[in-house]
Each structure stands twice: as structure tokens, then as C-alpha cells.
C-alpha atoms as a PDB file:
ATOM      1  CA  MET A   1      24.118   5.839  39.239  1.00  0.00           C
ATOM      2  CA  ALA A   2      23.404   7.782  42.731  1.00  0.00           C
ATOM      3  CA  ALA A   3      19.850  10.258  42.441  1.00  0.00           C
ATOM      4  CA  ILE A   4      22.391  13.078  42.386  1.00  0.00           C
ATOM      5  CA  GLU A   5      24.209  11.515  39.479  1.00  0.00           C
ATOM      6  CA  ASP A   6      21.423  10.769  37.288  1.00  0.00           C
ATOM      7  CA  LYS A   7      19.946  14.371  37.685  1.00  0.00           C
ATOM      8  CA  GLN A   8      23.096  16.138  36.616  1.00  0.00           C
ATOM      9  CA  GLN A   9      22.783  14.303  33.482  1.00  0.00           C
ATOM     10  CA  ALA A  10      18.738  15.113  32.472  1.00  0.00           C
ATOM     11  CA  LEU A  11      19.854  18.301  32.961  1.00  0.00           C
ATOM     12  CA  SER A  12      23.037  18.676  31.046  1.00  0.00           C
ATOM     13  CA  GLY A  13      23.311  20.062  27.921  1.00  0.00           C
ATOM     14  CA  THR A  14      22.733  23.595  25.699  1.00  0.00           C
ATOM     15  CA  ALA A  15      20.651  22.742  22.771  1.00  0.00           C
ATOM     16  CA  THR A  16      17.181  24.008  22.091  1.00  0.00           C
ATOM     17  CA  CYS A  17      13.991  23.541  19.468  1.00  0.00           C
ATOM     18  CA  ASN A  18      10.532  24.672  19.264  1.00  0.00           C
ATOM     19  CA  TRP A  19       9.801  21.141  17.858  1.00  0.00           C
ATOM     20  CA  ARG A  20       6.642  20.955  19.859  1.00  0.00           C
ATOM     21  CA  ALA A  21       5.505  24.658  19.195  1.00  0.00           C
ATOM     22  CA  ASP A  22       5.807  24.142  15.947  1.00  0.00           C
ATOM     23  CA  GLU A  23       4.058  20.750  16.087  1.00  0.00           C
ATOM     24  CA  ILE A  24       1.093  22.627  17.089  1.00  0.00           C
ATOM     25  CA  ILE A  25       1.235  25.617  14.475  1.00  0.00           C
ATOM     26  CA  LYS A  26       1.803  22.795  11.632  1.00  0.00           C
ATOM     27  CA  SER A  27      -1.187  21.061  13.556  1.00  0.00           C
ATOM     28  CA  LEU A  28      -3.865  23.844  13.355  1.00  0.00           C
ATOM     29  CA  GLU A  29      -2.879  24.710   9.577  1.00  0.00           C
ATOM     30  CA  PHE A  30      -3.137  21.373   8.724  1.00  0.00           C
ATOM     31  CA  ARG A  31      -6.907  20.748   9.832  1.00  0.00           C
ATOM     32  CA  LYS A  32      -7.773  24.411   8.295  1.00  0.00           C
ATOM     33  CA  GLU A  33      -6.601  22.635   4.949  1.00  0.00           C
ATOM     34  CA  TYR A  34      -8.275  19.446   5.906  1.00  0.00           C
ATOM     35  CA  ALA A  35     -11.471  21.168   5.775  1.00  0.00           C
ATOM     36  CA  THR A  36     -11.106  22.253   2.139  1.00  0.00           C
ATOM     37  CA  ARG A  37     -10.657  18.558   0.928  1.00  0.00           C
ATOM     38  CA  PRO A  38     -13.857  17.387  -1.277  1.00  0.00           C
ATOM     39  CA  ASN A  39     -16.388  14.460   0.217  1.00  0.00           C
ATOM     40  CA  VAL A  40     -16.674  13.478  -3.551  1.00  0.00           C
ATOM     41  CA  ILE A  41     -14.625  12.866  -6.621  1.00  0.00           C
ATOM     42  CA  PRO A  42     -16.114  12.509  -9.581  1.00  0.00           C
ATOM     43  CA  ALA A  43     -15.583   9.648 -12.172  1.00  0.00           C
ATOM     44  CA  GLU A  44     -14.008  11.906 -14.198  1.00  0.00           C
ATOM     45  CA  GLU A  45     -11.265  13.297 -12.047  1.00  0.00           C
ATOM     46  CA  MET A  46      -9.714   9.645 -10.993  1.00  0.00           C
ATOM     47  CA  PRO A  47      -6.774   9.490 -12.663  1.00  0.00           C
ATOM     48  CA  TRP A  48      -5.979   6.655 -14.869  1.00  0.00           C
ATOM     49  CA  GLU A  49      -2.547   4.916 -14.756  1.00  0.00           C
ATOM     50  CA  ARG A  50      -0.399   2.762 -17.270  1.00  0.00           C
ATOM     51  CA  SER A  51       1.238   1.011 -14.394  1.00  0.00           C
ATOM     52  CA  PRO A  52       3.930  -0.993 -13.532  1.00  0.00           C
ATOM     53  CA  ASP A  53       1.008  -3.398 -12.439  1.00  0.00           C
ATOM     54  CA  GLY A  54      -1.379  -2.829 -16.072  1.00  0.00           C
ATOM     55  CA  LEU A  55      -3.831  -0.593 -16.877  1.00  0.00           C
ATOM     56  CA  ILE A  56      -5.325   1.599 -13.869  1.00  0.00           C
ATOM     57  CA  LYS A  57      -8.103   4.133 -12.449  1.00  0.00           C
ATOM     58  CA  HIS A  58      -7.109   5.871  -9.044  1.00  0.00           C
ATOM     59  CA  LEU A  59      -9.916   5.700  -6.704  1.00  0.00           C
ATOM     60  CA  ILE A  60      -8.101   7.282  -4.049  1.00  0.00           C
ATOM     61  CA  HIS A  61      -4.744   7.884  -3.263  1.00  0.00           C
ATOM     62  CA  ARG A  62      -2.528  10.779  -1.496  1.00  0.00           C
ATOM     63  CA  ASN A  63      -2.006  12.645  -4.373  1.00  0.00           C
ATOM     64  CA  MET A  64      -5.478  13.470  -4.734  1.00  0.00           C
ATOM     65  CA  ASN A  65      -5.613  15.414  -1.433  1.00  0.00           C
ATOM     66  CA  THR A  66      -8.747  13.795  -0.307  1.00  0.00           C
ATOM     67  CA  PRO A  67     -10.081  13.751   3.793  1.00  0.00           C
ATOM     68  CA  GLU A  68      -9.141  10.366   3.334  1.00  0.00           C
ATOM     69  CA  LEU A  69      -5.587   9.067   5.089  1.00  0.00           C
ATOM     70  CA  CYS A  70      -5.494   5.771   5.495  1.00  0.00           C
ATOM     71  CA  VAL A  71      -6.662   4.212   2.338  1.00  0.00           C
ATOM     72  CA  GLU A  72      -5.406   3.896  -1.132  1.00  0.00           C
ATOM     73  CA  ALA A  73      -7.175   2.002  -4.103  1.00  0.00           C
ATOM     74  CA  TYR A  74      -7.347   2.011  -7.420  1.00  0.00           C
ATOM     75  CA  MET A  75      -9.587  -0.523  -9.749  1.00  0.00           C
ATOM     76  CA  LEU A  76      -6.973  -2.720 -11.692  1.00  0.00           C
ATOM     77  CA  PHE A  77      -8.552  -3.193 -15.534  1.00  0.00           C
ATOM     78  CA  LEU A  78      -7.025  -6.369 -17.799  1.00  0.00           C
ATOM     79  CA  LYS A  79      -8.279  -7.634 -20.897  1.00  0.00           C
ATOM     80  CA  GLU A  80      -8.642 -11.755 -21.642  1.00  0.00           C
ATOM     81  CA  GLY A  81      -5.369 -13.483 -21.577  1.00  0.00           C
ATOM     82  CA  GLU A  82      -3.473 -10.062 -19.789  1.00  0.00           C
ATOM     83  CA  ARG A  83      -1.644 -10.604 -16.336  1.00  0.00           C
ATOM     84  CA  SER A  84      -0.349  -8.171 -14.066  1.00  0.00           C
ATOM     85  CA  GLY A  85       3.038  -6.989 -12.745  1.00  0.00           C
ATOM     86  CA  LYS A  86       4.546  -9.168  -9.934  1.00  0.00           C
ATOM     87  CA  HIS A  87       5.694  -7.294  -6.909  1.00  0.00           C
ATOM     88  CA  ARG A  88       4.936  -7.213  -2.823  1.00  0.00           C
ATOM     89  CA  HIS A  89       4.919  -5.359  -0.374  1.00  0.00           C
ATOM     90  CA  MET A  90       4.749  -5.001   2.891  1.00  0.00           C
ATOM     91  CA  TRP A  91       1.179  -4.278   3.257  1.00  0.00           C
ATOM     92  CA  GLU A  92      -2.071  -6.488   3.268  1.00  0.00           C
ATOM     93  CA  GLU A  93      -3.755  -6.217   0.090  1.00  0.00           C
ATOM     94  CA  LEU A  94      -7.586  -6.599   0.136  1.00  0.00           C
ATOM     95  CA  ALA A  95      -9.227  -7.009  -3.496  1.00  0.00           C
ATOM     96  CA  PHE A  96     -12.842  -7.022  -4.865  1.00  0.00           C
ATOM     97  CA  VAL A  97     -13.794  -8.597  -8.314  1.00  0.00           C
ATOM     98  CA  VAL A  98     -16.657  -5.943  -9.293  1.00  0.00           C
ATOM     99  CA  GLU A  99     -16.251  -8.376 -13.141  1.00  0.00           C
ATOM    100  CA  GLY A 100     -14.998 -11.274 -15.007  1.00  0.00           C
ATOM    101  CA  GLU A 101     -12.962 -14.222 -13.655  1.00  0.00           C
ATOM    102  CA  GLY A 102      -9.341 -15.474 -13.789  1.00  0.00           C
ATOM    103  CA  TYR A 103      -6.271 -16.740 -11.381  1.00  0.00           C
ATOM    104  CA  ASP A 104      -3.988 -14.922  -8.959  1.00  0.00           C
ATOM    105  CA  LEU A 105      -1.062 -16.699  -8.287  1.00  0.00           C
ATOM    106  CA  HIS A 106       0.496 -16.027  -4.522  1.00  0.00           C
ATOM    107  CA  TRP A 107       4.796 -17.052  -3.375  1.00  0.00           C
ATOM    108  CA  ASP A 108       4.141 -16.649   0.504  1.00  0.00           C
ATOM    109  CA  MET A 109       6.906 -15.729   2.198  1.00  0.00           C
ATOM    110  CA  MET A 110       8.908 -17.915   4.481  1.00  0.00           C
ATOM    111  CA  PHE A 111      10.224 -15.316   7.350  1.00  0.00           C
ATOM    112  CA  ASP A 112      12.965 -16.952   9.771  1.00  0.00           C
ATOM    113  CA  CYS A 113      15.289 -15.412  12.216  1.00  0.00           C
ATOM    114  CA  GLN A 114      17.823 -16.900  14.067  1.00  0.00           C
ATOM    115  CA  ASP A 115      21.417 -15.299  14.155  1.00  0.00           C
ATOM    116  CA  LYS A 116      20.434 -13.134  10.832  1.00  0.00           C
ATOM    117  CA  PHE A 117      16.774 -12.591   8.984  1.00  0.00           C
ATOM    118  CA  ILE A 118      15.848 -14.993   6.351  1.00  0.00           C
ATOM    119  CA  TRP A 119      13.698 -14.159   3.551  1.00  0.00           C
ATOM    120  CA  GLU A 120      12.273 -16.616   0.988  1.00  0.00           C
ATOM    121  CA  TRP A 121       9.453 -16.893  -0.837  1.00  0.00           C
ATOM    122  CA  ASP A 122       7.471 -20.636  -2.028  1.00  0.00           C
ATOM    123  CA  ALA A 123       9.073 -21.872  -4.935  1.00  0.00           C
ATOM    124  CA  GLU A 124       6.045 -22.676  -6.508  1.00  0.00           C
ATOM    125  CA  PRO A 125       3.452 -20.392  -5.974  1.00  0.00           C
ATOM    126  CA  LYS A 126      -0.692 -20.943  -4.512  1.00  0.00           C
ATOM    127  CA  LYS A 127      -3.349 -20.533  -7.126  1.00  0.00           C
ATOM    128  CA  PHE A 128      -6.965 -18.875  -6.553  1.00  0.00           C
ATOM    129  CA  THR A 129      -8.923 -18.452  -9.342  1.00  0.00           C
ATOM    130  CA  TRP A 130     -11.746 -15.819  -8.314  1.00  0.00           C
ATOM    131  CA  LYS A 131     -14.838 -14.628 -10.327  1.00  0.00           C
ATOM    132  CA  GLN A 132     -17.164 -11.457 -10.308  1.00  0.00           C
ATOM    133  CA  GLY A 133     -18.127 -10.827  -6.476  1.00  0.00           C
ATOM    134  CA  ASP A 134     -15.312 -13.054  -4.886  1.00  0.00           C
ATOM    135  CA  TYR A 135     -12.728 -11.390  -2.246  1.00  0.00           C
ATOM    136  CA  ILE A 136      -9.018 -11.629  -2.437  1.00  0.00           C
ATOM    137  CA  TYR A 137      -6.705 -11.162   0.558  1.00  0.00           C
ATOM    138  CA  VAL A 138      -2.568 -10.919  -0.094  1.00  0.00           C
ATOM    139  CA  PRO A 139      -0.993 -11.295   2.928  1.00  0.00           C
ATOM    140  CA  PRO A 140       2.266  -8.554   3.516  1.00  0.00           C
ATOM    141  CA  TYR A 141       5.435  -9.333   1.396  1.00  0.00           C
ATOM    142  CA  THR A 142       3.572 -12.051  -0.372  1.00  0.00           C
ATOM    143  CA  ASN A 143       5.046 -12.151  -4.056  1.00  0.00           C
ATOM    144  CA  HIS A 144       1.487 -12.328  -5.878  1.00  0.00           C
ATOM    145  CA  GLN A 145      -0.140 -11.539  -9.766  1.00  0.00           C
ATOM    146  CA  SER A 146      -3.176 -11.774 -11.002  1.00  0.00           C
ATOM    147  CA  PHE A 147      -4.042 -13.484 -14.829  1.00  0.00           C
ATOM    148  CA  ALA A 148      -7.353 -12.814 -16.771  1.00  0.00           C
ATOM    149  CA  ALA A 149      -9.139 -15.775 -17.863  1.00  0.00           C
ATOM    150  CA  LYS A 150     -11.815 -12.915 -19.095  1.00  0.00           C
ATOM    151  CA  ASP A 151     -11.981  -9.287 -19.310  1.00  0.00           C
ATOM    152  CA  SER A 152     -11.562  -8.298 -15.223  1.00  0.00           C
ATOM    153  CA  ARG A 153     -12.461  -5.032 -12.969  1.00  0.00           C
ATOM    154  CA  ILE A 154     -10.729  -5.774 -10.077  1.00  0.00           C
ATOM    155  CA  ILE A 155     -10.694  -2.761  -7.117  1.00  0.00           C
ATOM    156  CA  VAL A 156      -7.848  -3.131  -5.323  1.00  0.00           C
ATOM    157  CA  MET A 157      -7.656  -1.713  -1.872  1.00  0.00           C
ATOM    158  CA  SER A 158      -4.364  -1.219   1.048  1.00  0.00           C
ATOM    159  CA  ASN A 159      -3.631   0.514   4.178  1.00  0.00           C
ATOM    160  CA  ARG A 160      -1.367   3.319   3.459  1.00  0.00           C
ATOM    161  CA  ILE A 161      -0.917   3.679   7.285  1.00  0.00           C
ATOM    162  CA  ILE A 162       1.898   1.030   7.356  1.00  0.00           C
ATOM    163  CA  LYS A 163       3.534   2.991   4.382  1.00  0.00           C
ATOM    164  CA  ASP A 164       3.767   5.687   7.032  1.00  0.00           C
ATOM    165  CA  MET A 165       5.345   3.727   9.504  1.00  0.00           C
ATOM    166  CA  GLY A 166       8.488   3.503   7.630  1.00  0.00           C
ATOM    167  CA  PHE A 167       7.771   0.109   5.220  1.00  0.00           C
ATOM    168  CA  ASP A 168       6.970   1.576   2.897  1.00  0.00           C
ATOM    169  CA  TRP A 169       8.894  -1.475   0.797  1.00  0.00           C
ATOM    170  CA  HIS A 170       7.534  -2.527  -2.536  1.00  0.00           C
ATOM    171  CA  ASP A 171       8.788  -4.333  -5.156  1.00  0.00           C
ATOM    172  CA  GLN A 172       8.429  -4.916  -8.428  1.00  0.00           C
ATOM    173  CA  LEU A 173       8.982  -7.985  -9.790  1.00  0.00           C
ATOM    174  CA  GLU A 174       8.184  -7.903 -12.810  1.00  0.00           C
ATOM    175  CA  ASN A 175       6.204  -5.744 -15.077  1.00  0.00           C
ATOM    176  CA  ALA A 176       2.570  -6.236 -16.686  1.00  0.00           C
ATOM    177  CA  PRO A 177       3.278  -7.084 -20.522  1.00  0.00           C
ATOM    178  CA  GLY A 178       3.323  -2.770 -22.134  1.00  0.00           C
ATOM    179  CA  PHE A 179       4.584  -1.150 -19.557  1.00  0.00           C
END
């Protein structure tokens, strides 16, 4: 395409908008509102949830309207003999065992891309035992589930940014008992 033809294409059309100007206004409004968000959330204001993964207490979540915009965290409470729900998601997950002991089962994802995407998971899970003070890493899109051998409290953390980038893929494969 010759330069003059390219210029004609670049100058074509009549649609107009105010997107950039609107973004600037929204940014100013957001910063004013953001400055009012609490830096401390008292424990009694952290909400409980009987979730598909079991009993959790949210430490930080987008719905709590705090200044934290990247991380979500909750405490998972499992009684001796209980298990969490089984699920997978596109983001990594980190967990810290505050108290208790048990194990995780992880079914790793096997991905292949030839003429189409192939998503499969290991038929047999890997077992990872954990106890108080241990840290657990869950890779992206790994099927996983926790089992408590003793009463346990686990802080589970994930990166909210991945969700906001369009990868909010969460598959609940099995609910925790009682949900």
C-alpha cells in the first residue's frame, strides 16, 4: 500500500468518543475514593463463608474494599477428618499452615498445543503432606484438594490480577461436605 493510500485509510471514518477523557475523570474519582479505604480490617469485621471449599474466613477480598488490589487471602478451617472442595483455577495459589496437619492431593495439568488445545490432568494425584509452619504451592490450573489429619487452619493466598486480566477460570470439581 502506498503512503498516500495509508493516509487515506488512517483519516477515514466519522465515529468519535470521549474514552480517554472519561478515563482521566474516573482515575481522579477512584483516587479520591481509594484514599478513604481502611488500612486495618479488625478480625471481627472479616466475613465468614460456608463455601464450596469449606468453612473460610476472608482476610482480604475485593468486596472488602481495602487498598489491596492484587492479593486475595482467606483462612480455611478443616476439622480432623474433613476435606476441602476439589477445584482448579488459572492462578497460582500459596498456602501457609498456621496449625494442624494433613495432606494435599494435586492432579497436575498436562497441556499440549498441536492443531488444537489439549487439556488433561494426571489420572493419579501427587500427595503432599503438610504440618504447622509448612507452605504449600499450587501451580496454575492444577486440580487440588486438602485433607486434615488434625484440626487445621490454613491461610490461602492468590493473585487477583490474573482474574482481572481475563483468566478468571475457576472450576469447582467437587464441593466440601456440608455445602
